[in-house]
Protein backbone atom coordinates (compact mmCIF):
# COMPACT_ATOMS: atom_id res chain seq x y z
CA UNK A 1 -18.12 -22.86 -3.24
CA UNK A 2 -14.69 -23.15 -4.96
CA UNK A 3 -16.28 -25.26 -7.69
CA UNK A 4 -18.22 -22.20 -8.86
CA UNK A 5 -15.09 -20.02 -8.98
CA UNK A 6 -12.74 -22.19 -11.07
CA UNK A 7 -13.49 -20.36 -14.32
CA UNK A 8 -10.87 -17.72 -13.40
CA UNK A 9 -8.26 -20.15 -12.05
CA UNK A 10 -5.47 -21.85 -14.00
CA UNK A 11 -2.04 -23.25 -13.15
CA UNK A 12 0.97 -20.97 -13.18
CA UNK A 13 1.83 -22.52 -16.56
CA UNK A 14 -1.57 -21.63 -17.97
CA UNK A 15 -3.10 -25.12 -17.75
CA UNK A 16 -6.83 -25.40 -17.19
CA UNK A 17 -8.12 -27.06 -14.03
CA UNK A 18 -11.12 -29.13 -13.09
CA UNK A 19 -12.70 -29.45 -9.64
CA UNK A 20 -12.89 -32.87 -7.98
CA UNK A 21 -13.96 -34.21 -4.61
CA UNK A 22 -12.96 -37.56 -3.14
CA UNK A 23 -14.66 -38.13 0.19
CA UNK A 24 -13.76 -35.17 2.38
CA UNK A 25 -10.89 -34.08 0.12
CA UNK A 26 -11.30 -31.36 -2.53
CA UNK A 27 -8.78 -30.46 -5.20
CA UNK A 28 -8.26 -28.92 -8.61
CA UNK A 29 -6.57 -31.12 -11.19
CA UNK A 30 -4.88 -30.64 -14.56
CA UNK A 31 -5.47 -32.96 -17.52
CA UNK A 32 -2.07 -34.50 -16.72
CA UNK A 33 -3.31 -35.42 -13.25
CA UNK A 34 -1.43 -32.82 -11.17
CA UNK A 35 -3.50 -31.93 -8.12
CA UNK A 36 -3.80 -28.66 -6.22
CA UNK A 37 -5.46 -29.14 -2.80
CA UNK A 38 -8.45 -27.09 -1.69
CA UNK A 39 -9.22 -26.42 1.97
CA UNK A 40 -12.56 -24.67 2.33
CA UNK A 41 -12.06 -21.53 0.24
CA UNK A 42 -8.23 -21.74 0.04
CA UNK A 43 -6.52 -23.15 -3.06
CA UNK A 44 -2.90 -24.27 -2.57
CA UNK A 45 -0.53 -23.62 -5.49
CA UNK A 46 2.78 -23.73 -3.58
CA UNK A 47 2.87 -27.48 -2.84
CA UNK A 48 4.77 -28.04 -6.10
CA UNK A 49 7.11 -25.03 -5.77
CA UNK A 50 10.24 -24.29 -3.73
CA UNK A 51 10.31 -20.60 -2.85
CA UNK A 52 13.54 -18.65 -3.08
CA UNK A 53 14.94 -15.24 -2.12
CA UNK A 54 12.63 -12.67 -0.56
CA UNK A 55 9.56 -14.80 -1.20
CA UNK A 56 10.97 -17.59 0.93
CA UNK A 57 12.23 -15.17 3.59
CA UNK A 58 9.01 -13.23 3.97
CA UNK A 59 6.76 -16.27 3.78
CA UNK A 60 8.51 -17.61 6.88
CA UNK A 61 8.42 -14.24 8.63
CA UNK A 62 4.73 -13.66 7.98
CA UNK A 63 3.87 -17.23 8.94
CA UNK A 64 5.46 -16.55 12.34
CA UNK A 65 3.94 -13.07 12.62
CA UNK A 66 0.40 -13.93 11.50
CA UNK A 67 -1.01 -14.39 14.99
CA UNK A 68 0.05 -10.89 16.02
CA UNK A 69 -0.46 -9.04 12.73
CA UNK A 70 -3.95 -7.61 13.30
CA UNK A 71 -3.14 -6.48 16.83
CA UNK A 72 0.15 -4.91 15.70
CA UNK A 73 -1.44 -2.95 12.84
CA UNK A 74 -4.26 -1.65 15.06
CA UNK A 75 -1.77 -0.65 17.74
CA UNK A 76 0.45 1.11 15.20
CA UNK A 77 -2.54 3.08 13.88
CA UNK A 78 -3.42 4.15 17.44
CA UNK A 79 0.16 5.26 18.06
CA UNK A 80 -0.16 7.42 14.95
CA UNK A 81 -3.34 8.97 16.35
CA UNK A 82 -5.69 7.10 14.01
CA UNK A 83 -8.04 4.14 14.10
CA UNK A 84 -7.67 1.29 11.63
CA UNK A 85 -10.52 2.37 9.36
CA UNK A 86 -9.21 5.92 9.01
CA UNK A 87 -5.73 4.64 8.19
CA UNK A 88 -6.70 2.08 5.56
CA UNK A 89 -9.20 4.42 3.89
CA UNK A 90 -6.33 6.76 3.08
CA UNK A 91 -5.44 4.33 0.29
CA UNK A 92 -8.65 2.30 -0.20
CA UNK A 93 -10.50 5.51 -1.03
CA UNK A 94 -8.57 5.57 -4.32
CA UNK A 95 -10.50 2.47 -5.42
CA UNK A 96 -13.95 2.64 -6.99
CA UNK A 97 -15.45 -0.82 -6.61
CA UNK A 98 -18.89 -1.23 -8.13
CA UNK A 99 -21.52 -3.88 -7.51
CA UNK A 100 -20.63 -7.22 -9.19
CA UNK A 101 -17.05 -6.17 -9.93
CA UNK A 102 -14.48 -8.96 -9.77
CA UNK A 103 -11.76 -7.76 -7.37
CA UNK A 104 -8.46 -9.35 -6.34
CA UNK A 105 -6.03 -8.25 -3.63
CA UNK A 106 -2.43 -9.43 -4.05
CA UNK A 107 -0.76 -10.00 -0.65
CA UNK A 108 -4.12 -9.99 1.09
CA UNK A 109 -2.62 -11.03 4.43
CA UNK A 110 -5.31 -11.37 7.09
CA UNK A 111 -7.88 -9.60 4.90
CA UNK A 112 -8.12 -6.41 6.93
CA UNK A 113 -8.92 -4.31 3.83
CA UNK A 114 -11.82 -6.34 2.48
CA UNK A 115 -14.27 -5.49 5.25
CA UNK A 116 -14.08 -1.81 4.26
CA UNK A 117 -14.88 -2.44 0.58
CA UNK A 118 -18.16 -2.77 -1.33
CA UNK A 119 -19.77 -6.00 -0.04
CA UNK A 120 -21.63 -6.50 -3.33
CA UNK A 121 -18.47 -7.25 -5.35
CA UNK A 122 -16.85 -10.66 -5.94
CA UNK A 123 -13.54 -10.98 -4.07
CA UNK A 124 -10.38 -13.02 -4.46
CA UNK A 125 -7.21 -12.79 -2.38
CA UNK A 126 -3.68 -14.12 -2.85
CA UNK A 127 -0.73 -14.49 -0.48
CA UNK A 128 2.36 -16.67 -0.04
CA UNK A 129 1.81 -17.04 3.71
CA UNK A 130 -0.58 -19.84 4.59
CA UNK A 131 -0.81 -18.67 8.20
CA UNK A 132 -2.02 -15.25 7.04
CA UNK A 133 -4.53 -16.85 4.65
CA UNK A 134 -5.87 -19.06 7.45
CA UNK A 135 -6.51 -15.98 9.59
CA UNK A 136 -8.12 -14.27 6.61
CA UNK A 137 -10.32 -17.31 6.09
CA UNK A 138 -11.57 -17.18 9.69
CA UNK A 139 -12.09 -13.42 9.56
CA UNK A 140 -14.11 -13.54 6.34
CA UNK A 141 -16.26 -16.34 7.78
CA UNK A 142 -17.09 -14.18 10.83
CA UNK A 143 -17.87 -11.24 8.55
CA UNK A 144 -19.95 -13.51 6.27
CA UNK A 145 -17.94 -12.30 3.28
CA UNK A 146 -17.64 -14.70 0.34
CA UNK A 147 -14.04 -14.80 -0.92
CA UNK A 148 -11.74 -17.18 -2.80
CA UNK A 149 -8.21 -17.37 -1.36
CA UNK A 150 -5.11 -18.53 -3.23
CA UNK A 151 -1.67 -19.43 -1.90
CA UNK A 152 0.76 -18.47 -4.66
CA UNK A 153 3.53 -16.05 -5.65
CA UNK A 154 2.68 -12.58 -6.94
CA UNK A 155 5.13 -13.07 -9.82
CA UNK A 156 3.24 -16.15 -11.09
CA UNK A 157 -0.47 -15.60 -10.62
CA UNK A 158 -2.57 -18.75 -11.27
CA UNK A 159 -5.27 -16.60 -12.86
CA UNK A 160 -6.54 -16.38 -16.43
CA UNK A 161 -5.92 -13.26 -18.52
CA UNK A 162 -8.26 -10.25 -18.29
CA UNK A 163 -10.26 -11.63 -15.37
CA UNK A 164 -10.59 -8.70 -12.94
CA UNK A 165 -12.21 -5.26 -12.86
CA UNK A 166 -10.01 -4.13 -9.94
CA UNK A 167 -6.53 -5.37 -9.01
CA UNK A 168 -4.69 -4.03 -5.98
CA UNK A 169 -1.80 -4.77 -3.65
CA UNK A 170 -1.86 -3.04 -0.26
CA UNK A 171 1.35 -3.98 1.52
CA UNK A 172 3.95 -6.62 0.69
CA UNK A 173 4.87 -5.28 -2.76
CA UNK A 174 8.29 -4.04 -1.60
CA UNK A 175 9.20 -7.54 -0.42
CA UNK A 176 8.46 -9.44 -3.64
CA UNK A 177 11.34 -11.23 -5.37
CA UNK A 178 10.58 -9.33 -8.57
CA UNK A 179 8.19 -6.36 -8.20
CA UNK A 180 8.42 -5.64 -11.93
CA UNK A 181 7.25 -9.15 -12.79
CA UNK A 182 4.44 -8.80 -10.23
CA UNK A 183 3.24 -5.60 -11.98
CA UNK A 184 3.31 -7.44 -15.32
CA UNK A 185 1.16 -10.18 -13.82
CA UNK A 186 -1.26 -7.71 -12.23
CA UNK A 187 -1.73 -6.05 -15.61
CA UNK A 188 -2.16 -9.40 -17.35
CA UNK A 189 -5.08 -10.48 -15.16
CA UNK A 190 -6.75 -7.04 -15.27
CA UNK A 191 -9.47 -6.29 -17.78
CA UNK A 192 -9.04 -3.48 -20.29
CA UNK A 193 -9.86 -0.22 -18.53
CA UNK A 194 -9.35 -1.73 -15.08
CA UNK A 195 -7.92 0.36 -12.25
CA UNK A 196 -4.89 -0.98 -10.39
CA UNK A 197 -3.45 0.18 -7.08
CA UNK A 198 -0.19 -0.47 -5.22
CA UNK A 199 0.33 0.73 -1.66
CA UNK A 200 3.36 0.18 0.58
CA UNK A 201 6.08 1.84 2.63
CA UNK A 202 8.44 4.40 1.10
CA UNK A 203 12.23 4.31 1.16
CA UNK A 204 12.05 7.09 3.74
CA UNK A 205 10.13 4.77 6.06
CA UNK A 206 12.58 1.92 5.45
CA UNK A 207 15.54 4.09 6.36
CA UNK A 208 13.88 5.09 9.63
CA UNK A 209 13.40 1.41 10.46
CA UNK A 210 16.54 -0.01 8.84
CA UNK A 211 17.45 -2.01 11.95
CA UNK A 212 14.16 -3.89 11.80
CA UNK A 213 14.74 -7.36 10.31
CA UNK A 214 11.78 -6.85 7.96
CA UNK A 215 13.72 -4.18 6.06
CA UNK A 216 17.27 -5.54 6.07
CA UNK A 217 18.70 -6.28 2.66
CA UNK A 218 16.11 -4.45 0.59
CA UNK A 219 15.93 -1.10 -1.18
CA UNK A 220 12.58 0.46 -1.95
CA UNK A 221 12.30 2.07 -5.36
CA UNK A 222 9.61 4.44 -6.56
CA UNK A 223 7.00 1.94 -7.85
CA UNK A 224 6.34 4.07 -10.94
CA UNK A 225 9.66 2.73 -12.27
CA UNK A 226 8.08 -0.71 -12.63
CA UNK A 227 5.20 0.42 -14.85
CA UNK A 228 5.34 -0.27 -18.61
CA UNK A 229 4.94 2.72 -20.90
CA UNK A 230 1.42 1.79 -22.01
CA UNK A 231 -0.16 2.38 -18.58
CA UNK A 232 -2.62 5.28 -18.36
CA UNK A 233 -3.91 7.62 -15.64
CA UNK A 234 -0.75 7.19 -13.52
CA UNK A 235 -0.97 8.89 -10.14
CA UNK A 236 1.60 8.64 -7.34
CA UNK A 237 1.04 10.13 -3.90
CA UNK A 238 2.84 9.88 -0.59
CA UNK A 239 0.70 9.84 2.56
CA UNK A 240 1.20 9.62 6.33
CA UNK A 241 4.15 12.05 6.43
CA UNK A 242 5.67 10.36 3.36
CA UNK A 243 5.97 7.02 5.18
CA UNK A 244 3.61 5.39 2.68
CA UNK A 245 2.92 5.66 -1.03
CA UNK A 246 -0.18 5.04 -3.12
CA UNK A 247 0.23 4.37 -6.84
CA UNK A 248 -2.80 4.04 -9.09
CA UNK A 249 -2.83 3.37 -12.83
CA UNK A 250 -5.10 2.04 -15.56
CA UNK A 251 -4.76 -0.75 -18.07
CA UNK A 252 -5.64 0.57 -21.54
């Protein structure tokens, strides 16, 4: 399955990749012979990289938290008087995914958003946490949803330019090492006219939970500050009693 999807994948340095299989082992390889392992529908790009800063910190935290993540998010929604679908549709409803669109979610986590989106689109997902991607892999298999998963940093997307009709990040953006660089990368891989979406917690939410280890040592800025001047159709909205924000914008 990965073999058919390699036309959009490149190394973080922009090198092209070819698919190979040796016995039971699959991998993508550069012309120089550098290999990137493939496990089912997951491509590993972090084997050759040492993470630093927030990316290292939150990779470890989400790897430990992965087994409880889905239960915790469902429970939190119930405590807020909502079910999971109602909560996620408050931001997913901003997307307009058409049949055959190429769609990528940055920080896909366990993939809880994908099941609520148009099943007739082509999906990719990226995260730094392998444990979260493994859970996403199992979930998508149960749902019979075809998806390509990539373990990589949001600041260095191993994706070719102008590849996607829809690019979104629903959670995790506030924890990136460099959110501004991540926005630049999201815009780079988006097609002209593509809609982009970023959703995450507000600074108000962080202050209410400042003792939680997830939020120590960070400050959440208004994400509009990270957008370059050329972006169009910029809309920023706070939802859920201003605990969460949704930012949408368009690549010209």
